[in-house]
């Protein structure tokens, strides 16, 4: 599972680098790293809380919700 996460991170950085140059690239990279860290801190406990609340279906609900957010932002 970590390999998927790291490959998504790497591909996102490649996409960031292809779209921005100079100071915008530095700013975008900093924002990306910040949000990646926030997601790593907030999402696992949130998923755990949801799994405690509704059972094993909590994890697929979290994944589907994150996918929906990705589609909206894409």
N, C-alpha and C. Protein backbone atom coordinates (compact mmCIF):
# COMPACT_ATOMS: atom_id res chain seq x y z
N UNK A 1 0.83 -1.19 0.00
CA UNK A 1 0.00 0.00 0.00
C UNK A 1 0.87 1.25 0.00
N UNK A 2 2.00 1.19 0.67
CA UNK A 2 2.89 2.35 0.70
C UNK A 2 3.42 2.68 -0.68
N UNK A 3 3.66 1.63 -1.48
CA UNK A 3 4.18 1.87 -2.82
C UNK A 3 3.19 2.68 -3.64
N UNK A 4 1.90 2.43 -3.46
CA UNK A 4 0.88 3.19 -4.18
C UNK A 4 0.91 4.65 -3.73
N UNK A 5 1.00 4.86 -2.42
CA UNK A 5 1.04 6.23 -1.90
C UNK A 5 2.26 6.99 -2.38
N UNK A 6 3.41 6.34 -2.36
CA UNK A 6 4.63 7.01 -2.80
C UNK A 6 4.63 7.27 -4.31
N UNK A 7 4.04 6.34 -5.07
CA UNK A 7 3.99 6.57 -6.52
C UNK A 7 3.02 7.70 -6.85
N UNK A 8 1.93 7.82 -6.11
CA UNK A 8 1.01 8.94 -6.31
C UNK A 8 1.71 10.25 -5.98
N UNK A 9 2.48 10.25 -4.91
CA UNK A 9 3.23 11.44 -4.51
C UNK A 9 4.23 11.83 -5.61
N UNK A 10 4.95 10.84 -6.11
CA UNK A 10 5.95 11.11 -7.15
C UNK A 10 5.30 11.62 -8.43
N UNK A 11 4.21 11.00 -8.83
CA UNK A 11 3.54 11.44 -10.06
C UNK A 11 2.93 12.83 -9.90
N UNK A 12 2.45 13.13 -8.71
CA UNK A 12 1.91 14.47 -8.47
C UNK A 12 3.01 15.52 -8.55
N UNK A 13 4.20 15.19 -8.04
CA UNK A 13 5.32 16.12 -8.15
C UNK A 13 5.76 16.30 -9.60
N UNK A 14 5.73 15.24 -10.38
CA UNK A 14 6.05 15.34 -11.81
C UNK A 14 5.05 16.26 -12.50
N UNK A 15 3.79 16.09 -12.20
CA UNK A 15 2.75 16.94 -12.79
C UNK A 15 2.92 18.39 -12.35
N UNK A 16 3.24 18.59 -11.10
CA UNK A 16 3.48 19.94 -10.59
C UNK A 16 4.65 20.59 -11.34
N UNK A 17 5.72 19.83 -11.53
CA UNK A 17 6.89 20.35 -12.23
C UNK A 17 6.63 20.65 -13.69
N UNK A 18 5.72 19.90 -14.31
CA UNK A 18 5.43 20.15 -15.72
C UNK A 18 4.52 21.36 -15.92
N UNK A 19 3.79 21.74 -14.89
CA UNK A 19 2.85 22.86 -15.02
C UNK A 19 3.42 24.19 -14.56
N UNK A 20 4.34 24.17 -13.61
CA UNK A 20 4.83 25.41 -13.02
C UNK A 20 6.34 25.50 -13.11
N UNK A 21 6.84 26.72 -13.13
CA UNK A 21 8.27 26.98 -13.16
C UNK A 21 8.61 28.07 -12.15
N UNK A 22 9.87 28.12 -11.74
CA UNK A 22 10.35 29.21 -10.89
C UNK A 22 9.71 29.24 -9.53
N UNK A 23 9.36 30.46 -9.11
CA UNK A 23 8.82 30.64 -7.76
C UNK A 23 7.46 29.96 -7.59
N UNK A 24 6.68 29.87 -8.67
CA UNK A 24 5.40 29.16 -8.56
C UNK A 24 5.62 27.68 -8.28
N UNK A 25 6.67 27.11 -8.83
CA UNK A 25 6.99 25.71 -8.57
C UNK A 25 7.37 25.51 -7.10
N UNK A 26 8.17 26.41 -6.56
CA UNK A 26 8.58 26.31 -5.16
C UNK A 26 7.36 26.46 -4.25
N UNK A 27 6.51 27.43 -4.55
CA UNK A 27 5.30 27.65 -3.76
C UNK A 27 4.37 26.45 -3.85
N UNK A 28 4.18 25.94 -5.06
CA UNK A 28 3.31 24.77 -5.25
C UNK A 28 3.84 23.56 -4.52
N UNK A 29 5.14 23.36 -4.56
CA UNK A 29 5.74 22.22 -3.87
C UNK A 29 5.56 22.34 -2.36
N UNK A 30 5.73 23.54 -1.82
CA UNK A 30 5.54 23.75 -0.38
C UNK A 30 4.09 23.49 0.02
N UNK A 31 3.15 24.00 -0.78
CA UNK A 31 1.73 23.78 -0.48
C UNK A 31 1.39 22.30 -0.59
N UNK A 32 1.92 21.64 -1.59
CA UNK A 32 1.67 20.22 -1.78
C UNK A 32 2.20 19.41 -0.60
N UNK A 33 3.42 19.71 -0.17
CA UNK A 33 4.01 18.99 0.95
C UNK A 33 3.22 19.24 2.24
N UNK A 34 2.78 20.47 2.44
CA UNK A 34 1.99 20.80 3.62
C UNK A 34 0.67 20.01 3.64
N UNK A 35 -0.04 20.01 2.52
CA UNK A 35 -1.32 19.31 2.47
C UNK A 35 -1.14 17.80 2.54
N UNK A 36 -0.05 17.29 1.97
CA UNK A 36 0.24 15.86 2.07
C UNK A 36 0.44 15.49 3.54
N UNK A 37 1.16 16.31 4.27
CA UNK A 37 1.39 16.06 5.69
C UNK A 37 0.12 16.16 6.50
N UNK A 38 -0.70 17.16 6.22
CA UNK A 38 -1.97 17.31 6.94
C UNK A 38 -2.86 16.10 6.68
N UNK A 39 -2.90 15.65 5.42
CA UNK A 39 -3.69 14.47 5.10
C UNK A 39 -3.18 13.23 5.81
N UNK A 40 -1.86 13.12 5.95
CA UNK A 40 -1.28 11.98 6.64
C UNK A 40 -1.55 11.99 8.13
N UNK A 41 -1.78 13.16 8.69
CA UNK A 41 -2.06 13.28 10.12
C UNK A 41 -3.56 13.15 10.40
N UNK A 42 -4.40 13.72 9.55
CA UNK A 42 -5.84 13.79 9.80
C UNK A 42 -6.58 12.55 9.32
N UNK A 43 -6.25 12.05 8.14
CA UNK A 43 -7.05 10.99 7.54
C UNK A 43 -6.99 9.64 8.27
N UNK A 44 -5.84 9.13 8.68
CA UNK A 44 -5.86 7.83 9.36
C UNK A 44 -6.70 7.81 10.65
N UNK A 45 -6.56 8.80 11.54
CA UNK A 45 -7.45 8.76 12.71
C UNK A 45 -8.93 8.94 12.35
N UNK A 46 -9.18 9.77 11.33
CA UNK A 46 -10.57 9.95 10.90
C UNK A 46 -11.16 8.67 10.35
N UNK A 47 -10.37 7.95 9.57
CA UNK A 47 -10.83 6.67 9.04
C UNK A 47 -11.05 5.68 10.17
N UNK A 48 -10.16 5.69 11.15
CA UNK A 48 -10.32 4.79 12.29
C UNK A 48 -11.58 5.09 13.08
N UNK A 49 -11.85 6.38 13.28
CA UNK A 49 -13.07 6.77 13.99
C UNK A 49 -14.32 6.31 13.23
N UNK A 50 -14.29 6.50 11.91
CA UNK A 50 -15.43 6.08 11.11
C UNK A 50 -15.60 4.57 11.15
N UNK A 51 -14.49 3.83 11.13
CA UNK A 51 -14.57 2.37 11.20
C UNK A 51 -15.09 1.92 12.56
N UNK A 52 -14.75 2.64 13.62
CA UNK A 52 -15.30 2.30 14.93
C UNK A 52 -16.79 2.61 14.99
N UNK A 53 -17.18 3.67 14.28
CA UNK A 53 -18.58 4.07 14.31
C UNK A 53 -19.50 3.20 13.48
N UNK A 54 -19.07 2.86 12.25
CA UNK A 54 -19.98 2.11 11.37
C UNK A 54 -19.46 0.73 11.01
N UNK A 55 -18.31 0.36 11.54
CA UNK A 55 -17.78 -0.98 11.30
C UNK A 55 -16.82 -1.02 10.12
N UNK A 56 -16.61 -2.22 9.60
CA UNK A 56 -15.62 -2.41 8.53
C UNK A 56 -15.92 -1.64 7.25
N UNK A 57 -17.14 -1.23 7.07
CA UNK A 57 -17.47 -0.45 5.87
C UNK A 57 -16.94 0.97 5.94
N UNK A 58 -16.41 1.36 7.07
CA UNK A 58 -15.88 2.72 7.22
C UNK A 58 -14.73 3.01 6.29
N UNK A 59 -13.83 2.04 6.10
CA UNK A 59 -12.68 2.27 5.22
C UNK A 59 -13.10 2.46 3.77
N UNK A 60 -13.96 1.60 3.20
CA UNK A 60 -14.40 1.88 1.83
C UNK A 60 -15.14 3.20 1.68
N UNK A 61 -15.86 3.60 2.72
CA UNK A 61 -16.55 4.89 2.67
C UNK A 61 -15.53 6.02 2.61
N UNK A 62 -14.46 5.92 3.40
CA UNK A 62 -13.41 6.94 3.38
C UNK A 62 -12.75 6.99 2.01
N UNK A 63 -12.41 5.83 1.46
CA UNK A 63 -11.76 5.78 0.15
C UNK A 63 -12.67 6.35 -0.92
N UNK A 64 -13.95 6.00 -0.90
CA UNK A 64 -14.89 6.54 -1.89
C UNK A 64 -15.04 8.05 -1.73
N UNK A 65 -15.04 8.52 -0.50
CA UNK A 65 -15.14 9.96 -0.26
C UNK A 65 -13.92 10.71 -0.78
N UNK A 66 -12.73 10.15 -0.54
CA UNK A 66 -11.51 10.77 -1.06
C UNK A 66 -11.48 10.75 -2.58
N UNK A 67 -11.96 9.66 -3.17
CA UNK A 67 -12.04 9.60 -4.63
C UNK A 67 -12.99 10.67 -5.18
N UNK A 68 -14.10 10.87 -4.49
CA UNK A 68 -15.06 11.89 -4.93
C UNK A 68 -14.44 13.29 -4.84
N UNK A 69 -13.69 13.53 -3.78
CA UNK A 69 -13.00 14.84 -3.65
C UNK A 69 -11.99 15.02 -4.79
N UNK A 70 -11.27 13.96 -5.13
CA UNK A 70 -10.31 14.02 -6.22
C UNK A 70 -10.99 14.33 -7.54
N UNK A 71 -12.12 13.70 -7.80
CA UNK A 71 -12.86 13.94 -9.05
C UNK A 71 -13.33 15.39 -9.11
N UNK A 72 -13.80 15.91 -7.99
CA UNK A 72 -14.28 17.29 -7.97
C UNK A 72 -13.14 18.25 -8.27
N UNK A 73 -11.97 18.04 -7.68
CA UNK A 73 -10.85 18.93 -7.89
C UNK A 73 -10.17 18.73 -9.24
N UNK A 74 -10.31 17.53 -9.82
CA UNK A 74 -9.69 17.28 -11.14
C UNK A 74 -10.47 18.00 -12.20
